[in-house]
Amino acid sequence: MSCSASATSPDELLSPELLPTLADYAYSAAAAADRRGLSNELVRLHEEIAESKSYAREWEQRLAEIKEELCSTKDKLIYQTTLSNRNQQNRIMIEQEYR
């Protein structure tokens, strides 16, 4: 028995019944790739949101610290203004006594 090698084209290997199955497989593979791409994009967006929330918390904390500093500075300014007004009144009273 001898084997004869005959050249067959890829089209000859594919039966017409197999073509719809291959098309479905190709579509499924493409859809799976799209889902993976979307999943990767969702993961990336989720990470960006988490990072943004972290930055927002940091800025809220910094804003609270600045508000606290501002209130403290305001209180000091009110105190200094009160002392200055008292000193000015005392100076006026002393000047009036010596006239």
PDB file of N, CA and C in Angstrom:
ATOM      1  N   MET A   1       0.838  -1.172   0.000  1.00  0.00           N
ATOM      2  CA  MET A   1       0.000   0.000   0.000  1.00  0.00           C
ATOM      3  C   MET A   1       0.874   1.222   0.000  1.00  0.00           C
ATOM      4  N   SER A   2       0.531   2.105  -0.849  1.00  0.00           N
ATOM      5  CA  SER A   2       1.287   3.339  -0.881  1.00  0.00           C
ATOM      6  C   SER A   2       0.344   4.488  -0.561  1.00  0.00           C
ATOM      7  N   CYS A   3       0.912   5.446   0.102  1.00  0.00           N
ATOM      8  CA  CYS A   3       0.125   6.634   0.451  1.00  0.00           C
ATOM      9  C   CYS A   3       0.467   7.703  -0.556  1.00  0.00           C
ATOM     10  N   SER A   4      -0.528   8.248  -1.106  1.00  0.00           N
ATOM     11  CA  SER A   4      -0.270   9.352  -2.022  1.00  0.00           C
ATOM     12  C   SER A   4      -0.654  10.648  -1.313  1.00  0.00           C
ATOM     13  N   ALA A   5       0.251  11.566  -1.350  1.00  0.00           N
ATOM     14  CA  ALA A   5      -0.002  12.851  -0.706  1.00  0.00           C
ATOM     15  C   ALA A   5      -0.634  13.766  -1.720  1.00  0.00           C
ATOM     16  N   SER A   6      -1.790  14.208  -1.403  1.00  0.00           N
ATOM     17  CA  SER A   6      -2.445  15.154  -2.301  1.00  0.00           C
ATOM     18  C   SER A   6      -2.577  16.481  -1.568  1.00  0.00           C
ATOM     19  N   ALA A   7      -2.388  17.529  -2.290  1.00  0.00           N
ATOM     20  CA  ALA A   7      -2.493  18.861  -1.694  1.00  0.00           C
ATOM     21  C   ALA A   7      -3.956  19.247  -1.615  1.00  0.00           C
ATOM     22  N   THR A   8      -4.382  19.567  -0.407  1.00  0.00           N
ATOM     23  CA  THR A   8      -5.757  20.024  -0.217  1.00  0.00           C
ATOM     24  C   THR A   8      -5.719  21.441   0.329  1.00  0.00           C
ATOM     25  N   SER A   9      -6.562  22.253  -0.207  1.00  0.00           N
ATOM     26  CA  SER A   9      -6.619  23.640   0.253  1.00  0.00           C
ATOM     27  C   SER A   9      -7.434  23.709   1.544  1.00  0.00           C
ATOM     28  N   PRO A  10      -7.222  24.761   2.312  1.00  0.00           N
ATOM     29  CA  PRO A  10      -8.005  24.909   3.545  1.00  0.00           C
ATOM     30  C   PRO A  10      -9.502  24.952   3.279  1.00  0.00           C
ATOM     31  N   ASP A  11      -9.885  25.530   2.149  1.00  0.00           N
ATOM     32  CA  ASP A  11     -11.313  25.596   1.832  1.00  0.00           C
ATOM     33  C   ASP A  11     -11.911  24.208   1.639  1.00  0.00           C
ATOM     34  N   GLU A  12     -11.094  23.293   1.115  1.00  0.00           N
ATOM     35  CA  GLU A  12     -11.586  21.935   0.911  1.00  0.00           C
ATOM     36  C   GLU A  12     -11.750  21.197   2.235  1.00  0.00           C
ATOM     37  N   LEU A  13     -10.940  21.581   3.231  1.00  0.00           N
ATOM     38  CA  LEU A  13     -11.024  20.923   4.535  1.00  0.00           C
ATOM     39  C   LEU A  13     -12.268  21.347   5.314  1.00  0.00           C
ATOM     40  N   LEU A  14     -12.746  22.545   5.026  1.00  0.00           N
ATOM     41  CA  LEU A  14     -13.905  23.065   5.756  1.00  0.00           C
ATOM     42  C   LEU A  14     -15.182  22.660   5.049  1.00  0.00           C
ATOM     43  N   SER A  15     -15.968  21.940   5.729  1.00  0.00           N
ATOM     44  CA  SER A  15     -17.251  21.555   5.144  1.00  0.00           C
ATOM     45  C   SER A  15     -18.244  22.693   5.330  1.00  0.00           C
ATOM     46  N   PRO A  16     -19.228  22.800   4.472  1.00  0.00           N
ATOM     47  CA  PRO A  16     -20.222  23.866   4.600  1.00  0.00           C
ATOM     48  C   PRO A  16     -20.966  23.812   5.936  1.00  0.00           C
ATOM     49  N   GLU A  17     -21.092  22.625   6.504  1.00  0.00           N
ATOM     50  CA  GLU A  17     -21.787  22.506   7.785  1.00  0.00           C
ATOM     51  C   GLU A  17     -20.961  23.094   8.929  1.00  0.00           C
ATOM     52  N   LEU A  18     -19.648  23.101   8.757  1.00  0.00           N
ATOM     53  CA  LEU A  18     -18.755  23.564   9.819  1.00  0.00           C
ATOM     54  C   LEU A  18     -18.614  25.089   9.831  1.00  0.00           C
ATOM     55  N   LEU A  19     -18.843  25.727   8.701  1.00  0.00           N
ATOM     56  CA  LEU A  19     -18.655  27.179   8.602  1.00  0.00           C
ATOM     57  C   LEU A  19     -19.517  27.969   9.587  1.00  0.00           C
ATOM     58  N   PRO A  20     -20.807  27.689   9.752  1.00  0.00           N
ATOM     59  CA  PRO A  20     -21.583  28.445  10.749  1.00  0.00           C
ATOM     60  C   PRO A  20     -21.042  28.261  12.167  1.00  0.00           C
ATOM     61  N   THR A  21     -20.570  27.066  12.479  1.00  0.00           N
ATOM     62  CA  THR A  21     -20.011  26.818  13.807  1.00  0.00           C
ATOM     63  C   THR A  21     -18.750  27.642  14.012  1.00  0.00           C
ATOM     64  N   LEU A  22     -17.904  27.708  12.981  1.00  0.00           N
ATOM     65  CA  LEU A  22     -16.686  28.518  13.077  1.00  0.00           C
ATOM     66  C   LEU A  22     -17.022  30.000  13.198  1.00  0.00           C
ATOM     67  N   ALA A  23     -18.038  30.444  12.475  1.00  0.00           N
ATOM     68  CA  ALA A  23     -18.458  31.844  12.568  1.00  0.00           C
ATOM     69  C   ALA A  23     -18.956  32.148  13.978  1.00  0.00           C
ATOM     70  N   ASP A  24     -19.736  31.229  14.547  1.00  0.00           N
ATOM     71  CA  ASP A  24     -20.210  31.408  15.927  1.00  0.00           C
ATOM     72  C   ASP A  24     -19.036  31.452  16.895  1.00  0.00           C
ATOM     73  N   TYR A  25     -18.069  30.569  16.685  1.00  0.00           N
ATOM     74  CA  TYR A  25     -16.890  30.532  17.555  1.00  0.00           C
ATOM     75  C   TYR A  25     -16.109  31.839  17.448  1.00  0.00           C
ATOM     76  N   ALA A  26     -15.927  32.313  16.210  1.00  0.00           N
ATOM     77  CA  ALA A  26     -15.199  33.571  16.008  1.00  0.00           C
ATOM     78  C   ALA A  26     -15.938  34.718  16.684  1.00  0.00           C
ATOM     79  N   TYR A  27     -17.269  34.728  16.535  1.00  0.00           N
ATOM     80  CA  TYR A  27     -18.069  35.765  17.185  1.00  0.00           C
ATOM     81  C   TYR A  27     -17.941  35.663  18.703  1.00  0.00           C
ATOM     82  N   SER A  28     -18.014  34.455  19.232  1.00  0.00           N
ATOM     83  CA  SER A  28     -17.887  34.252  20.679  1.00  0.00           C
ATOM     84  C   SER A  28     -16.515  34.689  21.170  1.00  0.00           C
ATOM     85  N   ALA A  29     -15.487  34.358  20.399  1.00  0.00           N
ATOM     86  CA  ALA A  29     -14.129  34.756  20.786  1.00  0.00           C
ATOM     87  C   ALA A  29     -13.993  36.274  20.766  1.00  0.00           C
ATOM     88  N   ALA A  30     -14.563  36.909  19.750  1.00  0.00           N
ATOM     89  CA  ALA A  30     -14.513  38.371  19.673  1.00  0.00           C
ATOM     90  C   ALA A  30     -15.294  38.995  20.820  1.00  0.00           C
ATOM     91  N   ALA A  31     -16.457  38.427  21.122  1.00  0.00           N
ATOM     92  CA  ALA A  31     -17.264  38.941  22.234  1.00  0.00           C
ATOM     93  C   ALA A  31     -16.524  38.772  23.558  1.00  0.00           C
ATOM     94  N   ALA A  32     -15.856  37.643  23.726  1.00  0.00           N
ATOM     95  CA  ALA A  32     -15.087  37.418  24.960  1.00  0.00           C
ATOM     96  C   ALA A  32     -13.952  38.426  25.064  1.00  0.00           C
ATOM     97  N   ALA A  33     -13.297  38.701  23.942  1.00  0.00           N
ATOM     98  CA  ALA A  33     -12.218  39.698  23.950  1.00  0.00           C
ATOM     99  C   ALA A  33     -12.774  41.072  24.301  1.00  0.00           C
ATOM    100  N   ASP A  34     -13.947  41.398  23.743  1.00  0.00           N
ATOM    101  CA  ASP A  34     -14.587  42.672  24.082  1.00  0.00           C
ATOM    102  C   ASP A  34     -14.910  42.736  25.569  1.00  0.00           C
ATOM    103  N   ARG A  35     -15.427  41.632  26.112  1.00  0.00           N
ATOM    104  CA  ARG A  35     -15.756  41.608  27.546  1.00  0.00           C
ATOM    105  C   ARG A  35     -14.493  41.785  28.378  1.00  0.00           C
ATOM    106  N   ARG A  36     -13.412  41.126  27.968  1.00  0.00           N
ATOM    107  CA  ARG A  36     -12.152  41.289  28.708  1.00  0.00           C
ATOM    108  C   ARG A  36     -11.689  42.734  28.644  1.00  0.00           C
ATOM    109  N   GLY A  37     -11.815  43.318  27.452  1.00  0.00           N
ATOM    110  CA  GLY A  37     -11.443  44.723  27.301  1.00  0.00           C
ATOM    111  C   GLY A  37     -12.294  45.615  28.185  1.00  0.00           C
ATOM    112  N   LEU A  38     -13.601  45.343  28.188  1.00  0.00           N
ATOM    113  CA  LEU A  38     -14.503  46.121  29.042  1.00  0.00           C
ATOM    114  C   LEU A  38     -14.202  45.876  30.508  1.00  0.00           C
ATOM    115  N   SER A  39     -13.903  44.643  30.859  1.00  0.00           N
ATOM    116  CA  SER A  39     -13.565  44.336  32.253  1.00  0.00           C
ATOM    117  C   SER A  39     -12.313  45.091  32.669  1.00  0.00           C
ATOM    118  N   ASN A  40     -11.320  45.096  31.795  1.00  0.00           N
ATOM    119  CA  ASN A  40     -10.092  45.838  32.102  1.00  0.00           C
ATOM    120  C   ASN A  40     -10.384  47.323  32.253  1.00  0.00           C
ATOM    121  N   GLU A  41     -11.246  47.845  31.382  1.00  0.00           N
ATOM    122  CA  GLU A  41     -11.609  49.256  31.460  1.00  0.00           C
ATOM    123  C   GLU A  41     -12.376  49.540  32.751  1.00  0.00           C
ATOM    124  N   LEU A  42     -13.275  48.637  33.130  1.00  0.00           N
ATOM    125  CA  LEU A  42     -14.016  48.812  34.385  1.00  0.00           C
ATOM    126  C   LEU A  42     -13.080  48.787  35.581  1.00  0.00           C
ATOM    127  N   VAL A  43     -12.116  47.891  35.565  1.00  0.00           N
ATOM    128  CA  VAL A  43     -11.142  47.826  36.661  1.00  0.00           C
ATOM    129  C   VAL A  43     -10.355  49.125  36.722  1.00  0.00           C
ATOM    130  N   ARG A  44      -9.913  49.618  35.556  1.00  0.00           N
ATOM    131  CA  ARG A  44      -9.146  50.866  35.513  1.00  0.00           C
ATOM    132  C   ARG A  44      -9.986  52.031  36.045  1.00  0.00           C
ATOM    133  N   LEU A  45     -11.245  52.102  35.607  1.00  0.00           N
ATOM    134  CA  LEU A  45     -12.120  53.181  36.076  1.00  0.00           C
ATOM    135  C   LEU A  45     -12.389  53.068  37.570  1.00  0.00           C
ATOM    136  N   HIS A  46     -12.573  51.846  38.051  1.00  0.00           N
ATOM    137  CA  HIS A  46     -12.784  51.632  39.484  1.00  0.00           C
ATOM    138  C   HIS A  46     -11.567  52.123  40.275  1.00  0.00           C
ATOM    139  N   GLU A  47     -10.377  51.823  39.782  1.00  0.00           N
ATOM    140  CA  GLU A  47      -9.160  52.275  40.462  1.00  0.00           C
ATOM    141  C   GLU A  47      -9.058  53.795  40.443  1.00  0.00           C
ATOM    142  N   GLU A  48      -9.436  54.411  39.317  1.00  0.00           N
ATOM    143  CA  GLU A  48      -9.412  55.872  39.236  1.00  0.00           C
ATOM    144  C   GLU A  48     -10.402  56.488  40.220  1.00  0.00           C
ATOM    145  N   ILE A  49     -11.581  55.886  40.340  1.00  0.00           N
ATOM    146  CA  ILE A  49     -12.581  56.392  41.286  1.00  0.00           C
ATOM    147  C   ILE A  49     -12.062  56.271  42.712  1.00  0.00           C
ATOM    148  N   ALA A  50     -11.463  55.136  43.035  1.00  0.00           N
ATOM    149  CA  ALA A  50     -10.915  54.940  44.383  1.00  0.00           C
ATOM    150  C   ALA A  50      -9.826  55.966  44.661  1.00  0.00           C
ATOM    151  N   GLU A  51      -8.977  56.222  43.670  1.00  0.00           N
ATOM    152  CA  GLU A  51      -7.909  57.210  43.840  1.00  0.00           C
ATOM    153  C   GLU A  51      -8.494  58.610  44.007  1.00  0.00           C
ATOM    154  N   SER A  52      -9.530  58.920  43.225  1.00  0.00           N
ATOM    155  CA  SER A  52     -10.185  60.224  43.330  1.00  0.00           C
ATOM    156  C   SER A  52     -10.818  60.407  44.704  1.00  0.00           C
ATOM    157  N   LYS A  53     -11.445  59.341  45.214  1.00  0.00           N
ATOM    158  CA  LYS A  53     -12.043  59.419  46.551  1.00  0.00           C
ATOM    159  C   LYS A  53     -10.966  59.654  47.599  1.00  0.00           C
ATOM    160  N   SER A  54      -9.827  59.018  47.424  1.00  0.00           N
ATOM    161  CA  SER A  54      -8.721  59.196  48.365  1.00  0.00           C
ATOM    162  C   SER A  54      -8.249  60.649  48.342  1.00  0.00           C
ATOM    163  N   TYR A  55      -8.086  61.207  47.129  1.00  0.00           N
ATOM    164  CA  TYR A  55      -7.685  62.611  47.015  1.00  0.00           C
ATOM    165  C   TYR A  55      -8.734  63.521  47.640  1.00  0.00           C
ATOM    166  N   ALA A  56     -10.004  63.214  47.413  1.00  0.00           N
ATOM    167  CA  ALA A  56     -11.080  64.037  47.977  1.00  0.00           C
ATOM    168  C   ALA A  56     -11.021  64.022  49.499  1.00  0.00           C
ATOM    169  N   ARG A  57     -10.783  62.843  50.088  1.00  0.00           N
ATOM    170  CA  ARG A  57     -10.664  62.768  51.557  1.00  0.00           C
ATOM    171  C   ARG A  57      -9.471  63.584  52.051  1.00  0.00           C
ATOM    172  N   GLU A  58      -8.356  63.501  51.331  1.00  0.00           N
ATOM    173  CA  GLU A  58      -7.177  64.278  51.718  1.00  0.00           C
ATOM    174  C   GLU A  58      -7.472  65.774  51.667  1.00  0.00           C
ATOM    175  N   TRP A  59      -8.137  66.213  50.593  1.00  0.00           N
ATOM    176  CA  TRP A  59      -8.447  67.632  50.460  1.00  0.00           C
ATOM    177  C   TRP A  59      -9.476  68.082  51.494  1.00  0.00           C
ATOM    178  N   GLU A  60     -10.432  67.227  51.816  1.00  0.00           N
ATOM    179  CA  GLU A  60     -11.395  67.566  52.865  1.00  0.00           C
ATOM    180  C   GLU A  60     -10.688  67.724  54.203  1.00  0.00           C
ATOM    181  N   GLN A  61      -9.738  66.834  54.486  1.00  0.00           N
ATOM    182  CA  GLN A  61      -8.965  66.927  55.727  1.00  0.00           C
ATOM    183  C   GLN A  61      -8.155  68.222  55.745  1.00  0.00           C
ATOM    184  N   ARG A  62      -7.508  68.526  54.623  1.00  0.00           N
ATOM    185  CA  ARG A  62      -6.706  69.753  54.546  1.00  0.00           C
ATOM    186  C   ARG A  62      -7.600  70.979  54.699  1.00  0.00           C
ATOM    187  N   LEU A  63      -8.783  70.944  54.087  1.00  0.00           N
ATOM    188  CA  LEU A  63      -9.722  72.058  54.205  1.00  0.00           C
ATOM    189  C   LEU A  63     -10.154  72.254  55.657  1.00  0.00           C
ATOM    190  N   ALA A  64     -10.416  71.169  56.360  1.00  0.00           N
ATOM    191  CA  ALA A  64     -10.787  71.250  57.775  1.00  0.00           C
ATOM    192  C   ALA A  64      -9.645  71.864  58.586  1.00  0.00           C
ATOM    193  N   GLU A  65      -8.405  71.471  58.278  1.00  0.00           N
ATOM    194  CA  GLU A  65      -7.247  72.039  58.982  1.00  0.00           C
ATOM    195  C   GLU A  65      -7.128  73.533  58.709  1.00  0.00           C
ATOM    196  N   ILE A  66      -7.337  73.932  57.459  1.00  0.00           N
ATOM    197  CA  ILE A  66      -7.246  75.353  57.102  1.00  0.00           C
ATOM    198  C   ILE A  66      -8.349  76.146  57.798  1.00  0.00           C
ATOM    199  N   LYS A  67      -9.565  75.585  57.850  1.00  0.00           N
ATOM    200  CA  LYS A  67     -10.659  76.266  58.553  1.00  0.00           C
ATOM    201  C   LYS A  67     -10.319  76.441  60.028  1.00  0.00           C
ATOM    202  N   GLU A  68      -9.726  75.416  60.615  1.00  0.00           N
ATOM    203  CA  GLU A  68      -9.329  75.483  62.021  1.00  0.00           C
ATOM    204  C   GLU A  68      -8.274  76.577  62.233  1.00  0.00           C
ATOM    205  N   GLU A  69      -7.289  76.621  61.340  1.00  0.00           N
ATOM    206  CA  GLU A  69      -6.255  77.656  61.423  1.00  0.00           C
ATOM    207  C   GLU A  69      -6.866  79.042  61.248  1.00  0.00           C
ATOM    208  N   LEU A  70      -7.811  79.158  60.323  1.00  0.00           N
ATOM    209  CA  LEU A  70      -8.470  80.437  60.076  1.00  0.00           C
ATOM    210  C   LEU A  70      -9.243  80.901  61.308  1.00  0.00           C
ATOM    211  N   CYS A  71      -9.969  79.995  61.947  1.00  0.00           N
ATOM    212  CA  CYS A  71     -10.705  80.348  63.171  1.00  0.00           C
ATOM    213  C   CYS A  71      -9.746  80.779  64.270  1.00  0.00           C
ATOM    214  N   SER A  72      -8.643  80.073  64.400  1.00  0.00           N
ATOM    215  CA  SER A  72      -7.649  80.419  65.415  1.00  0.00           C
ATOM    216  C   SER A  72      -7.062  81.803  65.138  1.00  0.00           C
ATOM    217  N   THR A  73      -6.740  82.063  63.880  1.00  0.00           N
ATOM    218  CA  THR A  73      -6.190  83.366  63.506  1.00  0.00           C
ATOM    219  C   THR A  73      -7.217  84.466  63.744  1.00  0.00           C
ATOM    220  N   LYS A  74      -8.474  84.188  63.436  1.00  0.00           N
ATOM    221  CA  LYS A  74      -9.543  85.165  63.664  1.00  0.00           C
ATOM    222  C   LYS A  74      -9.662  85.476  65.157  1.00  0.00           C
ATOM    223  N   ASP A  75      -9.640  84.434  65.994  1.00  0.00           N
ATOM    224  CA  ASP A  75      -9.717  84.639  67.443  1.00  0.00           C
ATOM    225  C   ASP A  75      -8.544  85.485  67.940  1.00  0.00           C
ATOM    226  N   LYS A  76      -7.346  85.207  67.435  1.00  0.00           N
ATOM    227  CA  LYS A  76      -6.166  85.989  67.832  1.00  0.00           C
ATOM    228  C   LYS A  76      -6.301  87.439  67.389  1.00  0.00           C
ATOM    229  N   LEU A  77      -6.823  87.645  66.182  1.00  0.00           N
ATOM    230  CA  LEU A  77      -7.009  89.001  65.676  1.00  0.00           C
ATOM    231  C   LEU A  77      -8.029  89.762  66.519  1.00  0.00           C
ATOM    232  N   ILE A  78      -9.117  89.108  66.880  1.00  0.00           N
ATOM    233  CA  ILE A  78     -10.123  89.747  67.740  1.00  0.00           C
ATOM    234  C   ILE A  78      -9.501  90.123  69.080  1.00  0.00           C
ATOM    235  N   TYR A  79      -8.713  89.217  69.648  1.00  0.00           N
ATOM    236  CA  TYR A  79      -8.055  89.480  70.926  1.00  0.00           C
ATOM    237  C   TYR A  79      -7.092  90.664  70.797  1.00  0.00           C
ATOM    238  N   GLN A  80      -6.284  90.669  69.741  1.00  0.00           N
ATOM    239  CA  GLN A  80      -5.330  91.764  69.539  1.00  0.00           C
ATOM    240  C   GLN A  80      -6.047  93.093  69.313  1.00  0.00           C
ATOM    241  N   THR A  81      -7.150  93.059  68.573  1.00  0.00           N
ATOM    242  CA  THR A  81      -7.925  94.276  68.333  1.00  0.00           C
ATOM    243  C   THR A  81      -8.511  94.800  69.638  1.00  0.00           C
ATOM    244  N   THR A  82      -9.020  93.906  70.463  1.00  0.00           N
ATOM    245  CA  THR A  82      -9.570  94.292  71.764  1.00  0.00           C
ATOM    246  C   THR A  82      -8.486  94.930  72.629  1.00  0.00           C
ATOM    247  N   LEU A  83      -7.307  94.295  72.684  1.00  0.00           N
ATOM    248  CA  LEU A  83      -6.199  94.872  73.462  1.00  0.00           C
ATOM    249  C   LEU A  83      -5.791  96.236  72.928  1.00  0.00           C
ATOM    250  N   SER A  84      -5.737  96.351  71.620  1.00  0.00           N
ATOM    251  CA  SER A  84      -5.354  97.626  71.012  1.00  0.00           C
ATOM    252  C   SER A  84      -6.366  98.715  71.354  1.00  0.00           C
ATOM    253  N   ASN A  85      -7.653  98.373  71.279  1.00  0.00           N
ATOM    254  CA  ASN A  85      -8.695  99.350  71.623  1.00  0.00           C
ATOM    255  C   ASN A  85      -8.592  99.772  73.086  1.00  0.00           C
ATOM    256  N   ARG A  86      -8.339  98.814  73.977  1.00  0.00           N
ATOM    257  CA  ARG A  86      -8.187  99.136  75.406  1.00  0.00           C
ATOM    258  C   ARG A  86      -6.967 100.031  75.622  1.00  0.00           C
ATOM    259  N   ASN A  87      -5.881  99.706  74.962  1.00  0.00           N
ATOM    260  CA  ASN A  87      -4.672 100.530  75.100  1.00  0.00           C
ATOM    261  C   ASN A  87      -4.919 101.949  74.605  1.00  0.00           C
ATOM    262  N   GLN A  88      -5.640 102.055  73.509  1.00  0.00           N
ATOM    263  CA  GLN A  88      -5.941 103.380  72.977  1.00  0.00           C
ATOM    264  C   GLN A  88      -6.830 104.160  73.953  1.00  0.00           C
ATOM    265  N   GLN A  89      -7.827 103.486  74.534  1.00  0.00           N
ATOM    266  CA  GLN A  89      -8.689 104.151  75.517  1.00  0.00           C
ATOM    267  C   GLN A  89      -7.884 104.568  76.743  1.00  0.00           C
ATOM    268  N   ASN A  90      -7.004 103.692  77.208  1.00  0.00           N
ATOM    269  CA  ASN A  90      -6.163 104.030  78.363  1.00  0.00           C
ATOM    270  C   ASN A  90      -5.260 105.220  78.056  1.00  0.00           C
ATOM    271  N   ARG A  91      -4.678 105.243  76.862  1.00  0.00           N
ATOM    272  CA  ARG A  91      -3.814 106.356  76.485  1.00  0.00           C
ATOM    273  C   ARG A  91      -4.598 107.666  76.474  1.00  0.00           C
ATOM    274  N   ILE A  92      -5.820 107.619  75.931  1.00  0.00           N
ATOM    275  CA  ILE A  92      -6.657 108.818  75.885  1.00  0.00           C
ATOM    276  C   ILE A  92      -6.980 109.285  77.303  1.00  0.00           C
ATOM    277  N   MET A  93      -7.312 108.353  78.199  1.00  0.00           N
ATOM    278  CA  MET A  93      -7.629 108.713  79.586  1.00  0.00           C
ATOM    279  C   MET A  93      -6.413 109.323  80.282  1.00  0.00           C
ATOM    280  N   ILE A  94      -5.246 108.742  80.059  1.00  0.00           N
ATOM    281  CA  ILE A  94      -4.024 109.263  80.689  1.00  0.00           C
ATOM    282  C   ILE A  94      -3.716 110.652  80.152  1.00  0.00           C
ATOM    283  N   GLU A  95      -3.866 110.856  78.857  1.00  0.00           N
ATOM    284  CA  GLU A  95      -3.613 112.174  78.268  1.00  0.00           C
ATOM    285  C   GLU A  95      -4.578 113.208  78.843  1.00  0.00           C
ATOM    286  N   GLN A  96      -5.832 112.811  79.042  1.00  0.00           N
ATOM    287  CA  GLN A  96      -6.814 113.741  79.590  1.00  0.00           C
ATOM    288  C   GLN A  96      -6.488 114.085  81.041  1.00  0.00           C
ATOM    289  N   GLU A  97      -5.966 113.138  81.802  1.00  0.00           N
ATOM    290  CA  GLU A  97      -5.617 113.386  83.201  1.00  0.00           C
ATOM    291  C   GLU A  97      -4.460 114.369  83.315  1.00  0.00           C
ATOM    292  N   TYR A  98      -3.524 114.314  82.412  1.00  0.00           N
ATOM    293  CA  TYR A  98      -2.344 115.170  82.484  1.00  0.00           C
ATOM    294  C   TYR A  98      -2.564 116.520  81.838  1.00  0.00           C
ATOM    295  N   ARG A  99      -3.690 116.800  81.292  1.00  0.00           N
ATOM    296  CA  ARG A  99      -3.959 118.103  80.679  1.00  0.00           C
ATOM    297  C   ARG A  99      -4.462 119.059  81.665  1.00  0.00           C
TER     298      ARG A  99
END
